[in-house]
Amino acid sequence: MIISTKLCKGIALLLTVVLVSGCSMFASKDESTECQKTEKKQKITRYTGEKSKALSHVYTGRKELALTFNGMGDDKMMRSLLEQLDSYKIKATFFLPGIRVAEEPNIAKDILARGHEIQNNTLNQQDMSKLSYEQIYREIQLSNEVIKRETGISPRYVRTKSGDVTDDVRLAAAHLGMEAVVSYNINPKDRDLQRDAKTIGDYIARYMSRGSIISLNTDINPEVSTS
């Protein structure tokens, strides 16, 4: 897992996530103007159907857990991380912000080419608790659109920057036909830049269990790529 070498000894862990229309930002100027006019008449109202599932762990009888990454670090960081995953023959799920996929589409394509999974980390990783329902909907929708355009993949799952799962996020995800809002149950607090690779790895080793979803951030602490 890139967690620490000792985790790979004597344990065969299959790291999988067993889960577990608006204006296009790529439209021409004329198309965008026309679409914006139309959107003003098409206000997004809160979905009244069933909410998407909320997942913080995976129900499984097998020795499986899910390794997930949030955000998209710079090219050097991401290449290092992908090489580490390859070296341990580990597959992971990357929750990517749409804006970063638009900026670095080749990284997203490389993630897929190496056999990993890409899901939605919202467009700009905004604090969902401060947004209206329509704004939440747009954050998820536009990120889906970017990821689909650049990679051909239609995300089925979404995760917020904080990992919080609110009713409005679940409703917006369902509104967009997505299966679940994914959180986690192992958070090594790698946002703390004082935490080195060993500390992060040891934390995960201590708390991991069958069906765990591990959350690591690629755009904050570079130690993640060697933990």
Protein backbone atom coordinates (compact mmCIF):
# COMPACT_ATOMS: atom_id res chain seq x y z
CA MET A 1 0.00 0.00 0.00
CA ILE A 2 2.39 2.68 -0.01
CA ILE A 3 1.74 2.76 3.54
CA SER A 4 4.85 1.03 4.79
CA THR A 5 6.82 -1.94 3.60
CA LYS A 6 5.94 -3.97 6.68
CA LEU A 7 2.27 -3.89 5.71
CA CYS A 8 3.10 -5.78 2.55
CA LYS A 9 4.81 -8.63 4.40
CA GLY A 10 2.72 -11.71 5.04
CA ILE A 11 -0.54 -10.00 4.11
CA ALA A 12 -2.14 -10.29 0.71
CA LEU A 13 -4.40 -7.29 0.62
CA LEU A 14 -6.56 -6.69 -2.38
CA LEU A 15 -7.05 -2.95 -2.25
CA THR A 16 -10.23 -2.21 -4.07
CA VAL A 17 -13.14 0.05 -3.57
CA VAL A 18 -15.98 -2.45 -3.54
CA LEU A 19 -18.46 0.25 -3.31
CA VAL A 20 -17.45 1.25 -3.06
CA SER A 21 -27.24 19.19 -17.24
CA GLY A 22 -25.61 22.35 -17.11
CA CYS A 23 -23.44 24.63 -19.27
CA SER A 24 -20.18 23.10 -20.41
CA MET A 25 -17.03 24.94 -19.44
CA PHE A 26 -15.62 23.75 -22.76
CA ALA A 27 -18.30 25.22 -25.01
CA SER A 28 -17.53 27.87 -27.61
CA LYS A 29 -18.22 31.50 -26.71
CA ASP A 30 -21.52 31.57 -28.60
CA GLU A 31 -22.61 28.21 -27.18
CA SER A 32 -21.64 29.28 -23.67
CA THR A 33 -23.59 32.54 -23.92
CA GLU A 34 -26.69 30.77 -25.17
CA CYS A 35 -26.40 28.07 -22.54
CA GLN A 36 -26.01 30.62 -19.75
CA LYS A 37 -29.22 32.32 -20.90
CA THR A 38 -31.00 28.98 -20.81
CA GLU A 39 -29.59 28.12 -17.38
CA LYS A 40 -31.03 31.26 -15.86
CA LYS A 41 -34.45 29.82 -16.66
CA GLN A 42 -33.49 26.37 -15.37
CA LYS A 43 -32.79 26.90 -11.70
CA ILE A 44 -31.75 23.71 -9.98
CA THR A 45 -34.13 22.81 -7.18
CA ARG A 46 -33.47 20.34 -4.39
CA TYR A 47 -33.93 16.73 -5.49
CA THR A 48 -36.89 15.03 -3.83
CA GLY A 49 -36.00 11.43 -4.62
CA GLU A 50 -33.95 8.96 -2.63
CA LYS A 51 -30.50 10.10 -1.52
CA SER A 52 -27.31 8.46 -2.78
CA LYS A 53 -25.71 6.02 -0.38
CA ALA A 54 -23.21 7.27 2.19
CA LEU A 55 -20.15 5.02 2.47
CA SER A 56 -17.45 5.20 5.13
CA HIS A 57 -16.40 1.56 4.88
CA VAL A 58 -16.99 -1.48 2.70
CA TYR A 59 -19.01 -4.47 3.85
CA THR A 60 -16.96 -7.53 2.92
CA GLY A 61 -16.17 -10.94 4.33
CA ARG A 62 -12.79 -10.95 2.62
CA LYS A 63 -9.48 -9.39 3.63
CA GLU A 64 -10.04 -6.32 1.53
CA LEU A 65 -9.76 -2.63 2.14
CA ALA A 66 -9.80 0.44 -0.06
CA LEU A 67 -6.87 2.78 -0.56
CA THR A 68 -8.08 6.17 -1.75
CA PHE A 69 -6.38 9.46 -2.58
CA ASN A 70 -7.85 12.95 -2.67
CA GLY A 71 -6.80 15.89 -4.83
CA MET A 72 -4.07 15.95 -7.44
CA GLY A 73 -0.55 16.97 -6.46
CA ASP A 74 1.99 18.32 -8.92
CA ASP A 75 3.44 16.18 -11.68
CA LYS A 76 6.49 15.10 -9.68
CA MET A 77 4.42 14.08 -6.68
CA MET A 78 1.88 12.14 -8.73
CA ARG A 79 4.50 10.31 -10.81
CA SER A 80 6.33 9.27 -7.64
CA LEU A 81 3.10 8.05 -6.07
CA LEU A 82 2.11 6.05 -9.15
CA GLU A 83 5.55 4.43 -9.32
CA GLN A 84 5.28 3.41 -5.66
CA LEU A 85 1.87 1.87 -6.25
CA ASP A 86 3.19 -0.01 -9.28
CA SER A 87 6.15 -1.34 -7.29
CA TYR A 88 3.78 -2.98 -4.78
CA LYS A 89 1.24 -3.98 -7.44
CA ILE A 90 -1.45 -2.01 -5.63
CA LYS A 91 -4.53 -0.48 -7.22
CA ALA A 92 -6.14 2.58 -5.67
CA THR A 93 -9.01 4.97 -6.19
CA PHE A 94 -8.21 8.62 -6.93
CA PHE A 95 -10.83 11.24 -6.11
CA LEU A 96 -9.79 14.06 -8.43
CA PRO A 97 -10.99 17.69 -8.52
CA GLY A 98 -12.35 18.58 -11.95
CA ILE A 99 -10.29 21.76 -12.16
CA ARG A 100 -7.04 19.80 -11.72
CA VAL A 101 -8.08 17.24 -14.32
CA ALA A 102 -8.64 20.14 -16.73
CA GLU A 103 -5.19 21.52 -15.88
CA GLU A 104 -3.31 18.20 -15.94
CA PRO A 105 -5.31 15.76 -18.08
CA ASN A 106 -2.26 13.62 -18.80
CA ILE A 107 -1.88 12.77 -15.12
CA ALA A 108 -5.50 11.63 -14.97
CA LYS A 109 -5.01 9.54 -18.11
CA ASP A 110 -1.87 7.96 -16.65
CA ILE A 111 -3.76 7.05 -13.48
CA LEU A 112 -6.27 5.13 -15.59
CA ALA A 113 -3.60 3.61 -17.83
CA ARG A 114 -1.96 2.08 -14.76
CA GLY A 115 -5.21 0.39 -13.77
CA HIS A 116 -6.42 2.71 -11.03
CA GLU A 117 -9.90 4.15 -10.62
CA ILE A 118 -10.90 7.82 -10.93
CA GLN A 119 -13.82 9.35 -9.07
CA ASN A 120 -15.10 12.87 -8.35
CA ASN A 121 -13.57 15.18 -5.69
CA THR A 122 -15.87 18.08 -6.75
CA LEU A 123 -14.76 20.84 -9.09
CA ASN A 124 -12.77 23.10 -6.76
CA GLN A 125 -12.87 21.21 -3.44
CA GLN A 126 -14.98 23.92 -1.87
CA ASP A 127 -16.48 23.67 1.61
CA MET A 128 -19.88 22.17 0.83
CA SER A 129 -21.33 23.33 4.15
CA LYS A 130 -21.14 26.92 2.92
CA LEU A 131 -22.82 26.32 -0.44
CA SER A 132 -26.45 26.26 -1.51
CA TYR A 133 -27.95 23.11 -2.96
CA GLU A 134 -27.60 24.47 -6.48
CA GLN A 135 -23.94 25.35 -5.92
CA ILE A 136 -23.25 21.86 -4.59
CA TYR A 137 -24.99 20.38 -7.62
CA ARG A 138 -22.85 22.49 -9.97
CA GLU A 139 -19.62 21.59 -8.17
CA ILE A 140 -20.32 17.90 -8.67
CA GLN A 141 -21.86 18.23 -12.13
CA LEU A 142 -19.05 20.29 -13.67
CA SER A 143 -16.39 18.02 -12.20
CA ASN A 144 -18.17 15.00 -13.69
CA GLU A 145 -18.24 16.79 -17.02
CA VAL A 146 -14.52 17.59 -16.99
CA ILE A 147 -13.53 14.07 -15.97
CA LYS A 148 -15.74 12.57 -18.67
CA ARG A 149 -14.37 14.90 -21.33
CA GLU A 150 -10.71 14.34 -20.49
CA THR A 151 -10.72 10.63 -19.63
CA GLY A 152 -13.93 9.13 -21.02
CA ILE A 153 -14.85 7.99 -17.51
CA SER A 154 -18.19 8.85 -15.88
CA PRO A 155 -17.64 8.97 -12.10
CA ARG A 156 -20.05 6.96 -9.97
CA TYR A 157 -18.86 8.25 -6.62
CA VAL A 158 -18.08 11.64 -5.13
CA ARG A 159 -16.10 12.74 -2.08
CA THR A 160 -15.95 16.22 -0.62
CA LYS A 161 -12.65 17.80 0.41
CA SER A 162 -13.44 17.34 4.10
CA GLY A 163 -14.99 13.92 3.62
CA ASP A 164 -18.20 15.19 5.18
CA VAL A 165 -21.42 13.57 3.98
CA THR A 166 -24.37 15.96 4.18
CA ASP A 167 -27.95 15.46 3.05
CA ASP A 168 -27.58 18.07 0.30
CA VAL A 169 -24.44 16.42 -1.07
CA ARG A 170 -26.19 13.04 -1.07
CA LEU A 171 -29.25 14.51 -2.76
CA ALA A 172 -27.19 16.33 -5.39
CA ALA A 173 -25.23 13.15 -6.11
CA ALA A 174 -28.47 11.20 -6.55
CA HIS A 175 -29.85 14.04 -8.69
CA LEU A 176 -26.86 13.47 -11.00
CA GLY A 177 -27.32 9.70 -11.05
CA MET A 178 -24.32 8.91 -8.86
CA GLU A 179 -24.29 5.86 -6.63
CA ALA A 180 -22.70 7.11 -3.42
CA VAL A 181 -20.95 9.83 -1.47
CA VAL A 182 -17.78 8.26 -0.11
CA SER A 183 -16.12 9.18 3.16
CA TYR A 184 -13.55 7.04 5.02
CA ASN A 185 -12.89 5.44 8.40
CA ILE A 186 -9.09 5.71 8.44
CA ASN A 187 -7.68 9.21 8.27
CA PRO A 188 -3.98 9.40 9.23
CA LYS A 189 -4.22 13.20 9.37
CA ASP A 190 -1.59 13.58 6.67
CA ARG A 191 -2.65 17.21 6.30
CA ASP A 192 -0.36 17.77 9.27
CA LEU A 193 2.93 18.51 7.50
CA GLN A 194 4.84 17.39 10.60
CA ARG A 195 3.75 13.82 9.91
CA ASP A 196 6.42 11.90 8.02
CA ALA A 197 5.96 8.77 5.92
CA LYS A 198 6.65 6.38 8.81
CA THR A 199 4.18 8.12 11.12
CA ILE A 200 1.47 8.00 8.46
CA GLY A 201 2.19 4.36 7.66
CA ASP A 202 2.26 3.27 11.30
CA TYR A 203 -1.07 4.99 11.95
CA ILE A 204 -2.74 3.13 9.09
CA ALA A 205 -1.20 -0.19 10.15
CA ARG A 206 -2.57 0.30 13.67
CA TYR A 207 -6.16 1.03 12.66
CA MET A 208 -6.75 -0.83 9.41
CA SER A 209 -9.34 -3.58 9.40
CA ARG A 210 -11.40 -5.55 6.92
CA GLY A 211 -13.46 -3.21 4.75
CA SER A 212 -11.64 -0.05 5.80
CA ILE A 213 -11.51 2.95 3.50
CA ILE A 214 -8.20 4.78 3.86
CA SER A 215 -8.05 8.45 2.89
CA LEU A 216 -4.77 10.16 1.92
CA ASN A 217 -4.20 13.57 0.34
CA THR A 218 -1.86 13.98 -2.62
CA ASP A 219 -1.84 17.77 -2.73
CA ILE A 220 -0.72 18.67 0.79
CA ASN A 221 1.95 16.44 2.33
CA PRO A 222 4.58 15.02 -0.08
CA GLU A 223 5.36 12.29 2.46
CA VAL A 224 2.21 10.52 1.28
CA SER A 225 4.03 9.23 -1.81
CA THR A 226 6.53 7.29 0.30
CA SER A 227 4.40 6.30 3.28
